[in-house]
Amino acid sequence: MVLGVLPHTDYPEETFTLDHDSALVLVTDGVVEGPGLTLDAGLDRAGTLAAEALNEGLGTEATADRVLDAADAVDHLDDAAVLVIRRL
């Protein structure tokens, strides 16, 4: 069973289409929370870093690396993963 998924629980699904030249950035809590970083501050930072990287023309992997590297800088205690999906 996937961690955090409860049996016999309904989870809503939604389908959407990314606009051209847009991106979806998904992060785990280990990327946006840490001993010296609140959730709100971490989400703001991750969003800003991803937007800057994409505006600079970096690819999805380099964008994810930039966000993940920032998580390492604040001594996150949890697992950290970043997924960037981009539609050109």
C-alpha atoms as a PDB file:
ATOM      1  CA  MET A   1       0.000   0.000   0.000  1.00  0.00           C
ATOM      2  CA  VAL A   2       1.196   3.488  -0.806  1.00  0.00           C
ATOM      3  CA  LEU A   3       2.276   5.457   2.264  1.00  0.00           C
ATOM      4  CA  GLY A   4      -0.473   7.823   3.387  1.00  0.00           C
ATOM      5  CA  VAL A   5      -3.221   6.104   1.409  1.00  0.00           C
ATOM      6  CA  LEU A   6      -5.916   4.660   3.622  1.00  0.00           C
ATOM      7  CA  PRO A   7      -7.879   1.591   2.584  1.00  0.00           C
ATOM      8  CA  HIS A   8     -11.598   2.034   1.920  1.00  0.00           C
ATOM      9  CA  THR A   9     -11.195   5.780   1.431  1.00  0.00           C
ATOM     10  CA  ASP A  10     -12.377   7.612  -1.659  1.00  0.00           C
ATOM     11  CA  TYR A  11      -9.859   9.968  -3.227  1.00  0.00           C
ATOM     12  CA  PRO A  12     -11.190  12.433  -5.791  1.00  0.00           C
ATOM     13  CA  GLU A  13      -9.579  12.542  -9.209  1.00  0.00           C
ATOM     14  CA  GLU A  14      -9.296  15.492 -11.528  1.00  0.00           C
ATOM     15  CA  THR A  15      -8.056  15.849 -15.057  1.00  0.00           C
ATOM     16  CA  PHE A  16      -6.611  19.066 -16.418  1.00  0.00           C
ATOM     17  CA  THR A  17      -4.466  20.237 -19.288  1.00  0.00           C
ATOM     18  CA  LEU A  18      -1.394  22.373 -18.830  1.00  0.00           C
ATOM     19  CA  ASP A  19      -1.338  25.511 -20.934  1.00  0.00           C
ATOM     20  CA  HIS A  20       1.413  25.777 -23.522  1.00  0.00           C
ATOM     21  CA  ASP A  21       4.757  26.798 -22.015  1.00  0.00           C
ATOM     22  CA  SER A  22       3.607  26.059 -18.468  1.00  0.00           C
ATOM     23  CA  ALA A  23       4.781  23.626 -15.815  1.00  0.00           C
ATOM     24  CA  LEU A  24       3.472  21.612 -12.915  1.00  0.00           C
ATOM     25  CA  VAL A  25       5.909  21.270 -10.009  1.00  0.00           C
ATOM     26  CA  LEU A  26       5.209  18.638  -7.346  1.00  0.00           C
ATOM     27  CA  VAL A  27       7.237  18.401  -4.138  1.00  0.00           C
ATOM     28  CA  THR A  28       7.244  16.253  -1.029  1.00  0.00           C
ATOM     29  CA  ASP A  29       7.079  17.826   2.404  1.00  0.00           C
ATOM     30  CA  GLY A  30      10.807  17.247   2.876  1.00  0.00           C
ATOM     31  CA  VAL A  31      11.444  19.873   0.199  1.00  0.00           C
ATOM     32  CA  VAL A  32       9.325  22.600   1.750  1.00  0.00           C
ATOM     33  CA  GLU A  33       9.587  22.010   5.509  1.00  0.00           C
ATOM     34  CA  GLY A  34      12.543  21.867   7.837  1.00  0.00           C
ATOM     35  CA  PRO A  35      13.794  22.872  11.260  1.00  0.00           C
ATOM     36  CA  GLY A  36      14.382  26.443  10.135  1.00  0.00           C
ATOM     37  CA  LEU A  37      11.752  26.658   7.412  1.00  0.00           C
ATOM     38  CA  THR A  38       7.989  26.946   7.786  1.00  0.00           C
ATOM     39  CA  LEU A  39       5.679  25.256   5.302  1.00  0.00           C
ATOM     40  CA  ASP A  40       4.495  28.585   3.860  1.00  0.00           C
ATOM     41  CA  ALA A  41       8.026  29.909   3.483  1.00  0.00           C
ATOM     42  CA  GLY A  42       9.154  26.635   1.910  1.00  0.00           C
ATOM     43  CA  LEU A  43       6.295  26.605  -0.590  1.00  0.00           C
ATOM     44  CA  ASP A  44       7.009  30.217  -1.534  1.00  0.00           C
ATOM     45  CA  ARG A  45      10.703  29.476  -1.950  1.00  0.00           C
ATOM     46  CA  ALA A  46      10.120  26.342  -4.047  1.00  0.00           C
ATOM     47  CA  GLY A  47       7.676  28.187  -6.292  1.00  0.00           C
ATOM     48  CA  THR A  48       9.999  31.128  -6.746  1.00  0.00           C
ATOM     49  CA  LEU A  49      13.009  28.934  -7.505  1.00  0.00           C
ATOM     50  CA  ALA A  50      11.062  26.836 -10.015  1.00  0.00           C
ATOM     51  CA  ALA A  51       9.625  29.910 -11.752  1.00  0.00           C
ATOM     52  CA  GLU A  52      13.056  31.542 -11.988  1.00  0.00           C
ATOM     53  CA  ALA A  53      14.630  28.379 -13.385  1.00  0.00           C
ATOM     54  CA  LEU A  54      11.918  27.907 -15.992  1.00  0.00           C
ATOM     55  CA  ASN A  55      12.037  31.596 -16.962  1.00  0.00           C
ATOM     56  CA  GLU A  56      15.806  31.240 -17.429  1.00  0.00           C
ATOM     57  CA  GLY A  57      15.093  28.445 -19.902  1.00  0.00           C
ATOM     58  CA  LEU A  58      16.322  25.574 -17.755  1.00  0.00           C
ATOM     59  CA  GLY A  59      14.890  22.153 -18.510  1.00  0.00           C
ATOM     60  CA  THR A  60      12.764  20.099 -16.167  1.00  0.00           C
ATOM     61  CA  GLU A  61      15.667  18.188 -14.632  1.00  0.00           C
ATOM     62  CA  ALA A  62      17.723  21.317 -13.949  1.00  0.00           C
ATOM     63  CA  THR A  63      14.646  23.028 -12.502  1.00  0.00           C
ATOM     64  CA  ALA A  64      13.999  20.104 -10.164  1.00  0.00           C
ATOM     65  CA  ASP A  65      17.680  20.094  -9.147  1.00  0.00           C
ATOM     66  CA  ARG A  66      17.564  23.791  -8.272  1.00  0.00           C
ATOM     67  CA  VAL A  67      14.546  23.290  -5.998  1.00  0.00           C
ATOM     68  CA  LEU A  68      16.018  20.142  -4.433  1.00  0.00           C
ATOM     69  CA  ASP A  69      19.411  21.776  -3.839  1.00  0.00           C
ATOM     70  CA  ALA A  70      17.674  24.529  -1.862  1.00  0.00           C
ATOM     71  CA  ALA A  71      16.052  21.877   0.342  1.00  0.00           C
ATOM     72  CA  ASP A  72      19.505  20.480   1.143  1.00  0.00           C
ATOM     73  CA  ALA A  73      20.610  23.946   2.246  1.00  0.00           C
ATOM     74  CA  VAL A  74      18.064  24.088   5.097  1.00  0.00           C
ATOM     75  CA  ASP A  75      18.827  20.709   6.670  1.00  0.00           C
ATOM     76  CA  HIS A  76      15.536  19.059   5.799  1.00  0.00           C
ATOM     77  CA  LEU A  77      14.844  15.998   7.945  1.00  0.00           C
ATOM     78  CA  ASP A  78      12.427  14.148   5.692  1.00  0.00           C
ATOM     79  CA  ASP A  79      12.615  12.525   2.293  1.00  0.00           C
ATOM     80  CA  ALA A  80      12.761  15.030  -0.534  1.00  0.00           C
ATOM     81  CA  ALA A  81      11.508  14.619  -4.089  1.00  0.00           C
ATOM     82  CA  VAL A  82      10.677  17.060  -6.861  1.00  0.00           C
ATOM     83  CA  LEU A  83       8.793  16.284 -10.075  1.00  0.00           C
ATOM     84  CA  VAL A  84       8.585  18.888 -12.846  1.00  0.00           C
ATOM     85  CA  ILE A  85       6.233  18.320 -15.770  1.00  0.00           C
ATOM     86  CA  ARG A  86       6.370  20.884 -18.553  1.00  0.00           C
ATOM     87  CA  ARG A  87       4.292  21.455 -21.640  1.00  0.00           C
ATOM     88  CA  LEU A  88       6.084  23.290 -24.414  1.00  0.00           C
END
